[in-house]
């Protein structure tokens, strides 16, 4: 497809898309700069949410182990009381 046949009208989705494609073709490093500039807050948010989820999963696992140990000790104590 030739550049002359592209729709340069940015009021339509097609024209908007083609203007971005042309910008990326003319200045690829600038285009990548803008892409990373726009996406970097999303990466930061993703990092924060992943960190929170990891901490929550670790806390749940720790609580689960604590409850299992507690239940095991209660069962041992009941078994010892029945033997007496």
PDB file of N, CA and C in Angstrom:
ATOM      1  N   UNK A   1       0.853  -1.174   0.000  1.00  0.00           N
ATOM      2  CA  UNK A   1       0.000   0.000   0.000  1.00  0.00           C
ATOM      3  C   UNK A   1       0.898   1.235   0.000  1.00  0.00           C
ATOM      4  N   UNK A   2       0.601   2.155  -0.886  1.00  0.00           N
ATOM      5  CA  UNK A   2       1.398   3.374  -0.991  1.00  0.00           C
ATOM      6  C   UNK A   2       0.963   4.383   0.051  1.00  0.00           C
ATOM      7  N   UNK A   3       1.878   5.228   0.445  1.00  0.00           N
ATOM      8  CA  UNK A   3       1.592   6.233   1.463  1.00  0.00           C
ATOM      9  C   UNK A   3       0.565   7.229   0.954  1.00  0.00           C
ATOM     10  N   UNK A   4       0.560   7.513  -0.347  1.00  0.00           N
ATOM     11  CA  UNK A   4      -0.383   8.486  -0.904  1.00  0.00           C
ATOM     12  C   UNK A   4      -1.828   8.019  -0.804  1.00  0.00           C
ATOM     13  N   UNK A   5      -2.049   6.723  -0.745  1.00  0.00           N
ATOM     14  CA  UNK A   5      -3.401   6.186  -0.699  1.00  0.00           C
ATOM     15  C   UNK A   5      -3.954   6.073   0.721  1.00  0.00           C
ATOM     16  N   UNK A   6      -3.142   6.380   1.725  1.00  0.00           N
ATOM     17  CA  UNK A   6      -3.602   6.295   3.099  1.00  0.00           C
ATOM     18  C   UNK A   6      -4.528   7.459   3.420  1.00  0.00           C
ATOM     19  N   UNK A   7      -5.436   7.222   4.328  1.00  0.00           N
ATOM     20  CA  UNK A   7      -6.378   8.247   4.744  1.00  0.00           C
ATOM     21  C   UNK A   7      -5.714   9.141   5.792  1.00  0.00           C
ATOM     22  N   UNK A   8      -5.405  10.388   5.464  1.00  0.00           N
ATOM     23  CA  UNK A   8      -4.721  11.254   6.441  1.00  0.00           C
ATOM     24  C   UNK A   8      -5.670  11.956   7.405  1.00  0.00           C
ATOM     25  N   UNK A   9      -6.958  11.727   7.285  1.00  0.00           N
ATOM     26  CA  UNK A   9      -7.940  12.405   8.135  1.00  0.00           C
ATOM     27  C   UNK A   9      -7.922  11.783   9.529  1.00  0.00           C
ATOM     28  N   UNK A  10      -7.452  12.534  10.526  1.00  0.00           N
ATOM     29  CA  UNK A  10      -7.321  11.977  11.869  1.00  0.00           C
ATOM     30  C   UNK A  10      -8.631  11.992  12.637  1.00  0.00           C
ATOM     31  N   UNK A  11      -9.702  12.429  12.032  1.00  0.00           N
ATOM     32  CA  UNK A  11     -10.989  12.393  12.721  1.00  0.00           C
ATOM     33  C   UNK A  11     -11.623  11.000  12.653  1.00  0.00           C
ATOM     34  N   UNK A  12     -11.057  10.128  11.818  1.00  0.00           N
ATOM     35  CA  UNK A  12     -11.555   8.753  11.743  1.00  0.00           C
ATOM     36  C   UNK A  12     -10.537   7.816  12.389  1.00  0.00           C
ATOM     37  N   UNK A  13     -11.000   6.631  12.762  1.00  0.00           N
ATOM     38  CA  UNK A  13     -10.101   5.651  13.365  1.00  0.00           C
ATOM     39  C   UNK A  13      -9.020   5.230  12.386  1.00  0.00           C
ATOM     40  N   UNK A  14      -9.390   5.074  11.145  1.00  0.00           N
ATOM     41  CA  UNK A  14      -8.428   4.650  10.128  1.00  0.00           C
ATOM     42  C   UNK A  14      -7.326   5.699   9.960  1.00  0.00           C
ATOM     43  N   UNK A  15      -7.714   6.951   9.860  1.00  0.00           N
ATOM     44  CA  UNK A  15      -6.734   8.024   9.714  1.00  0.00           C
ATOM     45  C   UNK A  15      -5.855   8.164  10.935  1.00  0.00           C
ATOM     46  N   UNK A  16      -6.449   8.004  12.107  1.00  0.00           N
ATOM     47  CA  UNK A  16      -5.680   8.077  13.349  1.00  0.00           C
ATOM     48  C   UNK A  16      -4.645   6.959  13.407  1.00  0.00           C
ATOM     49  N   UNK A  17      -5.076   5.757  13.034  1.00  0.00           N
ATOM     50  CA  UNK A  17      -4.174   4.608  13.021  1.00  0.00           C
ATOM     51  C   UNK A  17      -3.037   4.814  12.023  1.00  0.00           C
ATOM     52  N   UNK A  18      -3.365   5.270  10.831  1.00  0.00           N
ATOM     53  CA  UNK A  18      -2.340   5.487   9.817  1.00  0.00           C
ATOM     54  C   UNK A  18      -1.373   6.596  10.209  1.00  0.00           C
ATOM     55  N   UNK A  19      -1.862   7.612  10.898  1.00  0.00           N
ATOM     56  CA  UNK A  19      -0.949   8.673  11.336  1.00  0.00           C
ATOM     57  C   UNK A  19       0.049   8.134  12.364  1.00  0.00           C
ATOM     58  N   UNK A  20      -0.402   7.221  13.226  1.00  0.00           N
ATOM     59  CA  UNK A  20       0.510   6.595  14.195  1.00  0.00           C
ATOM     60  C   UNK A  20       1.502   5.692  13.481  1.00  0.00           C
ATOM     61  N   UNK A  21       1.040   4.943  12.498  1.00  0.00           N
ATOM     62  CA  UNK A  21       1.932   4.062  11.741  1.00  0.00           C
ATOM     63  C   UNK A  21       2.985   4.888  11.010  1.00  0.00           C
ATOM     64  N   UNK A  22       2.579   6.005  10.413  1.00  0.00           N
ATOM     65  CA  UNK A  22       3.533   6.862   9.714  1.00  0.00           C
ATOM     66  C   UNK A  22       4.535   7.478  10.686  1.00  0.00           C
ATOM     67  N   UNK A  23       4.070   7.888  11.868  1.00  0.00           N
ATOM     68  CA  UNK A  23       4.982   8.435  12.865  1.00  0.00           C
ATOM     69  C   UNK A  23       6.006   7.378  13.287  1.00  0.00           C
ATOM     70  N   UNK A  24       5.540   6.144  13.475  1.00  0.00           N
ATOM     71  CA  UNK A  24       6.443   5.056  13.869  1.00  0.00           C
ATOM     72  C   UNK A  24       7.443   4.752  12.756  1.00  0.00           C
ATOM     73  N   UNK A  25       7.002   4.874  11.516  1.00  0.00           N
ATOM     74  CA  UNK A  25       7.907   4.604  10.392  1.00  0.00           C
ATOM     75  C   UNK A  25       8.946   5.714  10.242  1.00  0.00           C
ATOM     76  N   UNK A  26       8.550   6.946  10.498  1.00  0.00           N
ATOM     77  CA  UNK A  26       9.474   8.067  10.331  1.00  0.00           C
ATOM     78  C   UNK A  26      10.453   8.185  11.495  1.00  0.00           C
ATOM     79  N   UNK A  27       9.990   7.931  12.720  1.00  0.00           N
ATOM     80  CA  UNK A  27      10.836   8.094  13.909  1.00  0.00           C
ATOM     81  C   UNK A  27      10.593   6.919  14.865  1.00  0.00           C
ATOM     82  N   UNK A  28      11.209   5.755  14.587  1.00  0.00           N
ATOM     83  CA  UNK A  28      10.925   4.576  15.423  1.00  0.00           C
ATOM     84  C   UNK A  28      11.374   4.740  16.868  1.00  0.00           C
ATOM     85  N   UNK A  29      12.506   5.403  17.122  1.00  0.00           N
ATOM     86  CA  UNK A  29      12.978   5.567  18.498  1.00  0.00           C
ATOM     87  C   UNK A  29      12.073   6.513  19.278  1.00  0.00           C
ATOM     88  N   UNK A  30      11.601   7.537  18.646  1.00  0.00           N
ATOM     89  CA  UNK A  30      10.659   8.438  19.301  1.00  0.00           C
ATOM     90  C   UNK A  30       9.344   7.734  19.597  1.00  0.00           C
ATOM     91  N   UNK A  31       8.916   6.904  18.650  1.00  0.00           N
ATOM     92  CA  UNK A  31       7.687   6.137  18.854  1.00  0.00           C
ATOM     93  C   UNK A  31       7.826   5.198  20.053  1.00  0.00           C
ATOM     94  N   UNK A  32       8.949   4.491  20.132  1.00  0.00           N
ATOM     95  CA  UNK A  32       9.173   3.593  21.264  1.00  0.00           C
ATOM     96  C   UNK A  32       9.247   4.372  22.573  1.00  0.00           C
ATOM     97  N   UNK A  33       9.837   5.555  22.535  1.00  0.00           N
ATOM     98  CA  UNK A  33       9.894   6.401  23.727  1.00  0.00           C
ATOM     99  C   UNK A  33       8.486   6.717  24.221  1.00  0.00           C
ATOM    100  N   UNK A  34       7.615   7.119  23.307  1.00  0.00           N
ATOM    101  CA  UNK A  34       6.246   7.446  23.702  1.00  0.00           C
ATOM    102  C   UNK A  34       5.476   6.217  24.183  1.00  0.00           C
ATOM    103  N   UNK A  35       5.713   5.078  23.565  1.00  0.00           N
ATOM    104  CA  UNK A  35       5.044   3.846  23.991  1.00  0.00           C
ATOM    105  C   UNK A  35       5.450   3.500  25.418  1.00  0.00           C
ATOM    106  N   UNK A  36       6.758   3.555  25.693  1.00  0.00           N
ATOM    107  CA  UNK A  36       7.218   3.249  27.053  1.00  0.00           C
ATOM    108  C   UNK A  36       6.777   4.312  28.043  1.00  0.00           C
ATOM    109  N   UNK A  37       6.699   5.548  27.602  1.00  0.00           N
ATOM    110  CA  UNK A  37       6.237   6.618  28.477  1.00  0.00           C
ATOM    111  C   UNK A  37       4.783   6.400  28.886  1.00  0.00           C
ATOM    112  N   UNK A  38       3.976   5.934  27.955  1.00  0.00           N
ATOM    113  CA  UNK A  38       2.560   5.680  28.242  1.00  0.00           C
ATOM    114  C   UNK A  38       2.386   4.403  29.069  1.00  0.00           C
ATOM    115  N   UNK A  39       3.196   3.388  28.803  1.00  0.00           N
ATOM    116  CA  UNK A  39       3.036   2.101  29.481  1.00  0.00           C
ATOM    117  C   UNK A  39       3.723   2.016  30.835  1.00  0.00           C
ATOM    118  N   UNK A  40       4.668   2.884  31.124  1.00  0.00           N
ATOM    119  CA  UNK A  40       5.405   2.771  32.383  1.00  0.00           C
ATOM    120  C   UNK A  40       4.518   2.880  33.623  1.00  0.00           C
ATOM    121  N   UNK A  41       3.497   3.737  33.673  1.00  0.00           N
ATOM    122  CA  UNK A  41       2.625   3.701  34.853  1.00  0.00           C
ATOM    123  C   UNK A  41       1.899   2.361  35.004  1.00  0.00           C
ATOM    124  N   UNK A  42       1.549   1.750  33.888  1.00  0.00           N
ATOM    125  CA  UNK A  42       0.890   0.442  33.951  1.00  0.00           C
ATOM    126  C   UNK A  42       1.840  -0.617  34.516  1.00  0.00           C
ATOM    127  N   UNK A  43       3.112  -0.546  34.118  1.00  0.00           N
ATOM    128  CA  UNK A  43       4.101  -1.477  34.661  1.00  0.00           C
ATOM    129  C   UNK A  43       4.258  -1.268  36.162  1.00  0.00           C
ATOM    130  N   UNK A  44       4.277  -0.017  36.592  1.00  0.00           N
ATOM    131  CA  UNK A  44       4.427   0.279  38.018  1.00  0.00           C
ATOM    132  C   UNK A  44       3.226  -0.232  38.813  1.00  0.00           C
ATOM    133  N   UNK A  45       2.039  -0.016  38.288  1.00  0.00           N
ATOM    134  CA  UNK A  45       0.825  -0.497  38.954  1.00  0.00           C
ATOM    135  C   UNK A  45       0.840  -2.020  39.023  1.00  0.00           C
ATOM    136  N   UNK A  46       1.234  -2.667  37.936  1.00  0.00           N
ATOM    137  CA  UNK A  46       1.311  -4.123  37.897  1.00  0.00           C
ATOM    138  C   UNK A  46       2.318  -4.644  38.920  1.00  0.00           C
ATOM    139  N   UNK A  47       3.455  -3.984  39.025  1.00  0.00           N
ATOM    140  CA  UNK A  47       4.465  -4.380  39.998  1.00  0.00           C
ATOM    141  C   UNK A  47       3.929  -4.272  41.419  1.00  0.00           C
ATOM    142  N   UNK A  48       3.257  -3.170  41.730  1.00  0.00           N
ATOM    143  CA  UNK A  48       2.702  -2.967  43.068  1.00  0.00           C
ATOM    144  C   UNK A  48       1.632  -4.005  43.396  1.00  0.00           C
ATOM    145  N   UNK A  49       0.725  -4.247  42.461  1.00  0.00           N
ATOM    146  CA  UNK A  49      -0.342  -5.221  42.704  1.00  0.00           C
ATOM    147  C   UNK A  49       0.206  -6.644  42.832  1.00  0.00           C
ATOM    148  N   UNK A  50       1.228  -6.973  42.062  1.00  0.00           N
ATOM    149  CA  UNK A  50       1.856  -8.285  42.179  1.00  0.00           C
ATOM    150  C   UNK A  50       2.500  -8.447  43.545  1.00  0.00           C
ATOM    151  N   UNK A  51       3.161  -7.402  44.024  1.00  0.00           N
ATOM    152  CA  UNK A  51       3.797  -7.437  45.330  1.00  0.00           C
ATOM    153  C   UNK A  51       2.751  -7.640  46.429  1.00  0.00           C
ATOM    154  N   UNK A  52       1.606  -6.909  46.334  1.00  0.00           N
ATOM    155  CA  UNK A  52       0.543  -7.058  47.327  1.00  0.00           C
ATOM    156  C   UNK A  52      -0.038  -8.467  47.301  1.00  0.00           C
ATOM    157  N   UNK A  53      -0.258  -9.009  46.115  1.00  0.00           N
ATOM    158  CA  UNK A  53      -0.809 -10.360  45.992  1.00  0.00           C
ATOM    159  C   UNK A  53       0.152 -11.389  46.579  1.00  0.00           C
ATOM    160  N   UNK A  54       1.442 -11.230  46.330  1.00  0.00           N
ATOM    161  CA  UNK A  54       2.433 -12.153  46.887  1.00  0.00           C
ATOM    162  C   UNK A  54       2.404 -12.124  48.403  1.00  0.00           C
ATOM    163  N   UNK A  55       2.361 -10.930  48.979  1.00  0.00           N
ATOM    164  CA  UNK A  55       2.318 -10.803  50.441  1.00  0.00           C
ATOM    165  C   UNK A  55       1.045 -11.443  51.003  1.00  0.00           C
ATOM    166  N   UNK A  56      -0.078 -11.248  50.342  1.00  0.00           N
ATOM    167  CA  UNK A  56      -1.338 -11.831  50.811  1.00  0.00           C
ATOM    168  C   UNK A  56      -1.305 -13.356  50.729  1.00  0.00           C
ATOM    169  N   UNK A  57      -0.764 -13.896  49.651  1.00  0.00           N
ATOM    170  CA  UNK A  57      -0.671 -15.354  49.513  1.00  0.00           C
ATOM    171  C   UNK A  57       0.265 -15.947  50.561  1.00  0.00           C
ATOM    172  N   UNK A  58       1.382 -15.254  50.833  1.00  0.00           N
ATOM    173  CA  UNK A  58       2.298 -15.729  51.868  1.00  0.00           C
ATOM    174  C   UNK A  58       1.624 -15.714  53.235  1.00  0.00           C
ATOM    175  N   UNK A  59       0.849 -14.678  53.521  1.00  0.00           N
ATOM    176  CA  UNK A  59       0.159 -14.588  54.817  1.00  0.00           C
ATOM    177  C   UNK A  59      -0.883 -15.695  54.946  1.00  0.00           C
ATOM    178  N   UNK A  60      -1.618 -15.967  53.873  1.00  0.00           N
ATOM    179  CA  UNK A  60      -2.617 -17.042  53.914  1.00  0.00           C
ATOM    180  C   UNK A  60      -1.953 -18.395  54.113  1.00  0.00           C
ATOM    181  N   UNK A  61      -0.832 -18.622  53.437  1.00  0.00           N
ATOM    182  CA  UNK A  61      -0.120 -19.893  53.581  1.00  0.00           C
ATOM    183  C   UNK A  61       0.412 -20.043  55.008  1.00  0.00           C
ATOM    184  N   UNK A  62       0.941 -18.981  55.570  1.00  0.00           N
ATOM    185  CA  UNK A  62       1.447 -19.012  56.943  1.00  0.00           C
ATOM    186  C   UNK A  62       0.314 -19.302  57.925  1.00  0.00           C
ATOM    187  N   UNK A  63      -0.837 -18.664  57.703  1.00  0.00           N
ATOM    188  CA  UNK A  63      -1.999 -18.877  58.568  1.00  0.00           C
ATOM    189  C   UNK A  63      -2.507 -20.312  58.442  1.00  0.00           C
ATOM    190  N   UNK A  64      -2.485 -20.827  57.218  1.00  0.00           N
ATOM    191  CA  UNK A  64      -2.932 -22.204  56.988  1.00  0.00           C
ATOM    192  C   UNK A  64      -2.025 -23.198  57.722  1.00  0.00           C
ATOM    193  N   UNK A  65      -0.716 -22.971  57.658  1.00  0.00           N
ATOM    194  CA  UNK A  65       0.223 -23.853  58.363  1.00  0.00           C
ATOM    195  C   UNK A  65       0.036 -23.750  59.871  1.00  0.00           C
ATOM    196  N   UNK A  66      -0.195 -22.528  60.358  1.00  0.00           N
ATOM    197  CA  UNK A  66      -0.395 -22.329  61.795  1.00  0.00           C
ATOM    198  C   UNK A  66      -1.648 -23.054  62.264  1.00  0.00           C
ATOM    199  N   UNK A  67      -2.732 -22.966  61.488  1.00  0.00           N
ATOM    200  CA  UNK A  67      -3.974 -23.643  61.858  1.00  0.00           C
ATOM    201  C   UNK A  67      -3.824 -25.157  61.792  1.00  0.00           C
ATOM    202  N   UNK A  68      -3.086 -25.658  60.812  1.00  0.00           N
ATOM    203  CA  UNK A  68      -2.868 -27.105  60.705  1.00  0.00           C
ATOM    204  C   UNK A  68      -2.061 -27.605  61.900  1.00  0.00           C
ATOM    205  N   UNK A  69      -1.051 -26.847  62.286  1.00  0.00           N
ATOM    206  CA  UNK A  69      -0.250 -27.236  63.444  1.00  0.00           C
ATOM    207  C   UNK A  69      -1.091 -27.200  64.709  1.00  0.00           C
ATOM    208  N   UNK A  70      -1.934 -26.194  64.845  1.00  0.00           N
ATOM    209  CA  UNK A  70      -2.816 -26.064  66.013  1.00  0.00           C
ATOM    210  C   UNK A  70      -3.788 -27.244  66.077  1.00  0.00           C
ATOM    211  N   UNK A  71      -4.408 -27.562  64.934  1.00  0.00           N
ATOM    212  CA  UNK A  71      -5.347 -28.691  64.892  1.00  0.00           C
ATOM    213  C   UNK A  71      -4.647 -30.009  65.219  1.00  0.00           C
ATOM    214  N   UNK A  72      -3.412 -30.160  64.754  1.00  0.00           N
ATOM    215  CA  UNK A  72      -2.646 -31.366  65.040  1.00  0.00           C
ATOM    216  C   UNK A  72      -2.357 -31.478  66.535  1.00  0.00           C
ATOM    217  N   UNK A  73      -1.975 -30.358  67.139  1.00  0.00           N
ATOM    218  CA  UNK A  73      -1.704 -30.365  68.583  1.00  0.00           C
ATOM    219  C   UNK A  73      -2.967 -30.641  69.393  1.00  0.00           C
ATOM    220  N   UNK A  74      -4.110 -30.094  68.963  1.00  0.00           N
ATOM    221  CA  UNK A  74      -5.379 -30.352  69.652  1.00  0.00           C
ATOM    222  C   UNK A  74      -5.732 -31.835  69.553  1.00  0.00           C
ATOM    223  N   UNK A  75      -5.529 -32.415  68.356  1.00  0.00           N
ATOM    224  CA  UNK A  75      -5.824 -33.837  68.183  1.00  0.00           C
ATOM    225  C   UNK A  75      -4.914 -34.696  69.068  1.00  0.00           C
ATOM    226  N   UNK A  76      -3.653 -34.329  69.168  1.00  0.00           N
ATOM    227  CA  UNK A  76      -2.726 -35.079  70.032  1.00  0.00           C
ATOM    228  C   UNK A  76      -3.142 -34.972  71.498  1.00  0.00           C
ATOM    229  N   UNK A  77      -3.559 -33.786  71.905  1.00  0.00           N
ATOM    230  CA  UNK A  77      -3.975 -33.587  73.299  1.00  0.00           C
ATOM    231  C   UNK A  77      -5.231 -34.383  73.601  1.00  0.00           C
ATOM    232  N   UNK A  78      -6.174 -34.432  72.689  1.00  0.00           N
ATOM    233  CA  UNK A  78      -7.402 -35.196  72.911  1.00  0.00           C
ATOM    234  C   UNK A  78      -7.104 -36.694  72.981  1.00  0.00           C
ATOM    235  N   UNK A  79      -6.180 -37.121  72.110  1.00  0.00           N
ATOM    236  CA  UNK A  79      -5.795 -38.529  72.104  1.00  0.00           C
ATOM    237  C   UNK A  79      -5.113 -38.888  73.429  1.00  0.00           C
ATOM    238  N   UNK A  80      -4.285 -38.007  73.943  1.00  0.00           N
ATOM    239  CA  UNK A  80      -3.598 -38.247  75.222  1.00  0.00           C
ATOM    240  C   UNK A  80      -4.594 -38.270  76.373  1.00  0.00           C
ATOM    241  N   UNK A  81      -5.637 -37.419  76.341  1.00  0.00           N
ATOM    242  CA  UNK A  81      -6.650 -37.375  77.385  1.00  0.00           C
ATOM    243  C   UNK A  81      -7.497 -38.661  77.373  1.00  0.00           C
ATOM    244  N   UNK A  82      -7.784 -39.186  76.194  1.00  0.00           N
ATOM    245  CA  UNK A  82      -8.583 -40.411  76.113  1.00  0.00           C
ATOM    246  C   UNK A  82      -7.782 -41.608  76.635  1.00  0.00           C
ATOM    247  N   UNK A  83      -6.475 -41.575  76.451  1.00  0.00           N
ATOM    248  CA  UNK A  83      -5.629 -42.677  76.912  1.00  0.00           C
ATOM    249  C   UNK A  83      -5.527 -42.701  78.429  1.00  0.00           C
ATOM    250  N   UNK A  84      -5.668 -41.541  79.053  1.00  0.00           N
ATOM    251  CA  UNK A  84      -5.568 -41.469  80.517  1.00  0.00           C
ATOM    252  C   UNK A  84      -6.785 -42.021  81.131  1.00  0.00           C
TER     253      UNK A  84
END
